Amino acid sequence: MKKIIVRTTKRKEMVDITDDVQQIISNLSIKNGICVLFIPHTTCGITINENADISVRRDILSHFSRMVPEDGLYQHLEGNSDAHIQSTMSGHSLILIVENQRIQLGTWQGIFLCEFDGPRTREVWISTLSNSEVNNL
């Protein structure tokens, strides 16, 4: 397993980690297979979305905040219940296809760590399986 360390700077932000993931895949011996990304945090998530226009990220975060406001009537006393709920909405894992040591994404897609309770230092765990390992499952 490999790890990416991401230091977020805002309470809520989406950090493009596409290049970091690709760098790890490029340095591994896997040519074709799958890559699993996992976020081991309860107030942070991961997603794939457009990376060409930064306003898409702002729209996503704004909509999450409207759906799950920071000052809602929550029972959790830490003051970050909204972050727990929003991370559940974004999800904590992704599976990516690797072909010729390149992660396969659409033209406008990028991989984003979704911070909902920052600023913090976060980890993204990465594990891979080659096609031969997948076929033996």
C-alpha atoms as a PDB file:
ATOM      1  CA  MET A   1       0.000   0.000   0.000  1.00  0.00           C
ATOM      2  CA  LYS A   2       1.138   3.534  -0.809  1.00  0.00           C
ATOM      3  CA  LYS A   3      -0.023   6.788   0.762  1.00  0.00           C
ATOM      4  CA  ILE A   4      -0.487  10.336  -0.411  1.00  0.00           C
ATOM      5  CA  ILE A   5      -0.367  13.055   2.250  1.00  0.00           C
ATOM      6  CA  VAL A   6      -2.613  16.057   1.576  1.00  0.00           C
ATOM      7  CA  ARG A   7      -2.524  19.197   3.702  1.00  0.00           C
ATOM      8  CA  THR A   8      -5.761  21.112   3.346  1.00  0.00           C
ATOM      9  CA  THR A   9      -5.974  24.850   4.013  1.00  0.00           C
ATOM     10  CA  LYS A  10      -9.720  25.524   4.368  1.00  0.00           C
ATOM     11  CA  ARG A  11     -12.617  24.038   6.304  1.00  0.00           C
ATOM     12  CA  LYS A  12     -14.223  22.918   3.053  1.00  0.00           C
ATOM     13  CA  GLU A  13     -12.307  22.398  -0.169  1.00  0.00           C
ATOM     14  CA  MET A  14     -11.743  19.959  -2.992  1.00  0.00           C
ATOM     15  CA  VAL A  15      -8.074  19.253  -3.681  1.00  0.00           C
ATOM     16  CA  ASP A  16      -7.110  17.823  -7.075  1.00  0.00           C
ATOM     17  CA  ILE A  17      -4.886  14.797  -6.387  1.00  0.00           C
ATOM     18  CA  THR A  18      -4.935  13.364  -9.922  1.00  0.00           C
ATOM     19  CA  ASP A  19      -1.240  14.019 -10.601  1.00  0.00           C
ATOM     20  CA  ASP A  20      -0.223  12.576  -7.209  1.00  0.00           C
ATOM     21  CA  VAL A  21      -2.143   9.350  -7.896  1.00  0.00           C
ATOM     22  CA  GLN A  22      -0.696   9.105 -11.401  1.00  0.00           C
ATOM     23  CA  GLN A  23       2.839   9.596 -10.063  1.00  0.00           C
ATOM     24  CA  ILE A  24       2.442   6.655  -7.693  1.00  0.00           C
ATOM     25  CA  ILE A  25       1.006   4.439 -10.450  1.00  0.00           C
ATOM     26  CA  SER A  26       3.866   5.423 -12.773  1.00  0.00           C
ATOM     27  CA  ASN A  27       6.397   4.331 -10.142  1.00  0.00           C
ATOM     28  CA  LEU A  28       4.787   0.921  -9.558  1.00  0.00           C
ATOM     29  CA  SER A  29       5.353  -2.209 -11.601  1.00  0.00           C
ATOM     30  CA  ILE A  30       1.644  -2.561 -12.437  1.00  0.00           C
ATOM     31  CA  LYS A  31       1.049  -2.091 -16.162  1.00  0.00           C
ATOM     32  CA  ASN A  32      -2.651  -2.985 -16.420  1.00  0.00           C
ATOM     33  CA  GLY A  33      -5.136  -3.563 -13.623  1.00  0.00           C
ATOM     34  CA  ILE A  34      -7.054  -1.593 -11.041  1.00  0.00           C
ATOM     35  CA  CYS A  35      -6.161   0.995  -8.451  1.00  0.00           C
ATOM     36  CA  VAL A  36      -8.171   1.377  -5.252  1.00  0.00           C
ATOM     37  CA  LEU A  37      -8.131   4.714  -3.413  1.00  0.00           C
ATOM     38  CA  PHE A  38      -9.366   4.865   0.171  1.00  0.00           C
ATOM     39  CA  ILE A  39      -9.806   7.775   2.592  1.00  0.00           C
ATOM     40  CA  PRO A  40      -9.300   6.673   6.236  1.00  0.00           C
ATOM     41  CA  HIS A  41     -11.084   9.714   7.700  1.00  0.00           C
ATOM     42  CA  THR A  42     -14.697  10.315   8.785  1.00  0.00           C
ATOM     43  CA  THR A  43     -14.912  13.995   7.794  1.00  0.00           C
ATOM     44  CA  CYS A  44     -13.194  13.776   4.429  1.00  0.00           C
ATOM     45  CA  GLY A  45     -14.125  12.022   1.192  1.00  0.00           C
ATOM     46  CA  ILE A  46     -13.009  11.358  -2.365  1.00  0.00           C
ATOM     47  CA  THR A  47     -14.682  11.767  -5.741  1.00  0.00           C
ATOM     48  CA  ILE A  48     -14.121  12.086  -9.471  1.00  0.00           C
ATOM     49  CA  ASN A  49     -15.456  15.162 -11.209  1.00  0.00           C
ATOM     50  CA  GLU A  50     -14.545  17.923 -13.656  1.00  0.00           C
ATOM     51  CA  ASN A  51     -11.081  19.389 -13.198  1.00  0.00           C
ATOM     52  CA  ALA A  52     -11.129  21.930 -16.056  1.00  0.00           C
ATOM     53  CA  ASP A  53     -13.381  24.566 -14.460  1.00  0.00           C
ATOM     54  CA  ILE A  54     -12.801  25.388 -10.775  1.00  0.00           C
ATOM     55  CA  SER A  55     -16.356  26.743 -10.496  1.00  0.00           C
ATOM     56  CA  VAL A  56     -17.633  23.136 -10.574  1.00  0.00           C
ATOM     57  CA  ARG A  57     -15.822  22.480  -7.273  1.00  0.00           C
ATOM     58  CA  ARG A  58     -17.274  25.649  -5.775  1.00  0.00           C
ATOM     59  CA  ASP A  59     -20.762  24.619  -6.914  1.00  0.00           C
ATOM     60  CA  ILE A  60     -20.399  21.143  -5.387  1.00  0.00           C
ATOM     61  CA  LEU A  61     -19.199  22.493  -2.035  1.00  0.00           C
ATOM     62  CA  SER A  62     -21.875  25.194  -2.030  1.00  0.00           C
ATOM     63  CA  HIS A  63     -24.623  22.661  -2.720  1.00  0.00           C
ATOM     64  CA  PHE A  64     -23.319  20.301  -0.019  1.00  0.00           C
ATOM     65  CA  SER A  65     -23.378  23.212   2.444  1.00  0.00           C
ATOM     66  CA  ARG A  66     -26.961  24.079   1.524  1.00  0.00           C
ATOM     67  CA  MET A  67     -28.096  20.447   1.838  1.00  0.00           C
ATOM     68  CA  VAL A  68     -26.195  19.887   5.099  1.00  0.00           C
ATOM     69  CA  PRO A  69     -25.591  23.241   6.846  1.00  0.00           C
ATOM     70  CA  GLU A  70     -22.815  23.678   9.388  1.00  0.00           C
ATOM     71  CA  ASP A  71     -25.245  25.022  11.982  1.00  0.00           C
ATOM     72  CA  GLY A  72     -27.890  22.281  11.701  1.00  0.00           C
ATOM     73  CA  LEU A  73     -29.601  20.708  14.677  1.00  0.00           C
ATOM     74  CA  TYR A  74     -27.120  17.898  15.310  1.00  0.00           C
ATOM     75  CA  GLN A  75     -26.611  15.726  18.381  1.00  0.00           C
ATOM     76  CA  HIS A  76     -22.867  15.161  17.809  1.00  0.00           C
ATOM     77  CA  LEU A  77     -21.164  17.697  20.074  1.00  0.00           C
ATOM     78  CA  GLU A  78     -17.850  18.210  18.238  1.00  0.00           C
ATOM     79  CA  GLY A  79     -19.360  20.804  15.908  1.00  0.00           C
ATOM     80  CA  ASN A  80     -18.530  18.904  12.734  1.00  0.00           C
ATOM     81  CA  SER A  81     -21.632  16.795  12.129  1.00  0.00           C
ATOM     82  CA  ASP A  82     -22.081  18.453   8.755  1.00  0.00           C
ATOM     83  CA  ALA A  83     -18.613  17.212   7.772  1.00  0.00           C
ATOM     84  CA  HIS A  84     -19.444  13.636   8.770  1.00  0.00           C
ATOM     85  CA  ILE A  85     -22.635  13.707   6.695  1.00  0.00           C
ATOM     86  CA  GLN A  86     -21.001  15.365   3.679  1.00  0.00           C
ATOM     87  CA  SER A  87     -18.140  12.854   3.662  1.00  0.00           C
ATOM     88  CA  THR A  88     -20.715  10.068   3.604  1.00  0.00           C
ATOM     89  CA  MET A  89     -22.348  11.758   0.615  1.00  0.00           C
ATOM     90  CA  SER A  90     -19.084  11.998  -1.334  1.00  0.00           C
ATOM     91  CA  GLY A  91     -17.853   8.532  -0.371  1.00  0.00           C
ATOM     92  CA  HIS A  92     -14.579   7.157   0.953  1.00  0.00           C
ATOM     93  CA  SER A  93     -13.231   5.043  -1.898  1.00  0.00           C
ATOM     94  CA  LEU A  94     -12.747   4.846  -5.651  1.00  0.00           C
ATOM     95  CA  ILE A  95     -11.741   2.099  -8.038  1.00  0.00           C
ATOM     96  CA  LEU A  96      -9.800   3.202 -11.119  1.00  0.00           C
ATOM     97  CA  ILE A  97      -8.751   1.290 -14.223  1.00  0.00           C
ATOM     98  CA  VAL A  98      -5.015   1.294 -14.990  1.00  0.00           C
ATOM     99  CA  GLU A  99      -3.897   0.750 -18.567  1.00  0.00           C
ATOM    100  CA  ASN A 100      -0.265   1.052 -19.716  1.00  0.00           C
ATOM    101  CA  GLN A 101       0.615   2.489 -16.271  1.00  0.00           C
ATOM    102  CA  ARG A 102      -1.912   5.323 -16.705  1.00  0.00           C
ATOM    103  CA  ILE A 103      -5.055   5.824 -14.671  1.00  0.00           C
ATOM    104  CA  GLN A 104      -8.007   5.945 -17.038  1.00  0.00           C
ATOM    105  CA  LEU A 105     -10.151   9.050 -16.669  1.00  0.00           C
ATOM    106  CA  GLY A 106     -12.433  10.942 -19.039  1.00  0.00           C
ATOM    107  CA  THR A 107     -11.185  14.062 -20.791  1.00  0.00           C
ATOM    108  CA  TRP A 108     -12.420  16.480 -18.137  1.00  0.00           C
ATOM    109  CA  GLN A 109     -12.170  14.230 -15.082  1.00  0.00           C
ATOM    110  CA  GLY A 110      -9.914  14.595 -12.080  1.00  0.00           C
ATOM    111  CA  ILE A 111      -9.646  12.903  -8.683  1.00  0.00           C
ATOM    112  CA  PHE A 112     -10.485  15.089  -5.708  1.00  0.00           C
ATOM    113  CA  LEU A 113      -9.933  14.760  -1.987  1.00  0.00           C
ATOM    114  CA  CYS A 114     -13.016  16.418  -0.460  1.00  0.00           C
ATOM    115  CA  GLU A 115     -12.194  18.196   2.788  1.00  0.00           C
ATOM    116  CA  PHE A 116     -15.197  18.992   4.973  1.00  0.00           C
ATOM    117  CA  ASP A 117     -13.533  19.695   8.356  1.00  0.00           C
ATOM    118  CA  GLY A 118     -10.199  21.358   7.666  1.00  0.00           C
ATOM    119  CA  PRO A 119      -7.639  22.549   7.653  1.00  0.00           C
ATOM    120  CA  ARG A 120      -6.051  19.173   8.344  1.00  0.00           C
ATOM    121  CA  THR A 121      -3.430  16.726   7.185  1.00  0.00           C
ATOM    122  CA  ARG A 122      -5.138  13.863   5.361  1.00  0.00           C
ATOM    123  CA  GLU A 123      -4.045  10.544   3.903  1.00  0.00           C
ATOM    124  CA  VAL A 124      -5.146   8.793   0.737  1.00  0.00           C
ATOM    125  CA  TRP A 125      -4.336   5.082   0.751  1.00  0.00           C
ATOM    126  CA  ILE A 126      -3.593   3.455  -2.587  1.00  0.00           C
ATOM    127  CA  SER A 127      -3.541  -0.241  -3.420  1.00  0.00           C
ATOM    128  CA  THR A 128      -3.320  -1.886  -6.826  1.00  0.00           C
ATOM    129  CA  LEU A 129      -4.088  -5.233  -8.429  1.00  0.00           C
ATOM    130  CA  SER A 130      -2.690  -6.307 -11.776  1.00  0.00           C
ATOM    131  CA  ASN A 131      -5.003  -7.860 -14.372  1.00  0.00           C
ATOM    132  CA  SER A 132      -3.531 -11.292 -13.609  1.00  0.00           C
ATOM    133  CA  GLU A 133      -4.286 -10.843  -9.884  1.00  0.00           C
ATOM    134  CA  VAL A 134      -7.830  -9.670 -10.674  1.00  0.00           C
ATOM    135  CA  ASN A 135      -8.401 -12.652 -12.979  1.00  0.00           C
ATOM    136  CA  ASN A 136      -7.295 -15.035 -10.184  1.00  0.00           C
ATOM    137  CA  LEU A 137      -9.914 -13.715  -7.729  1.00  0.00           C
END
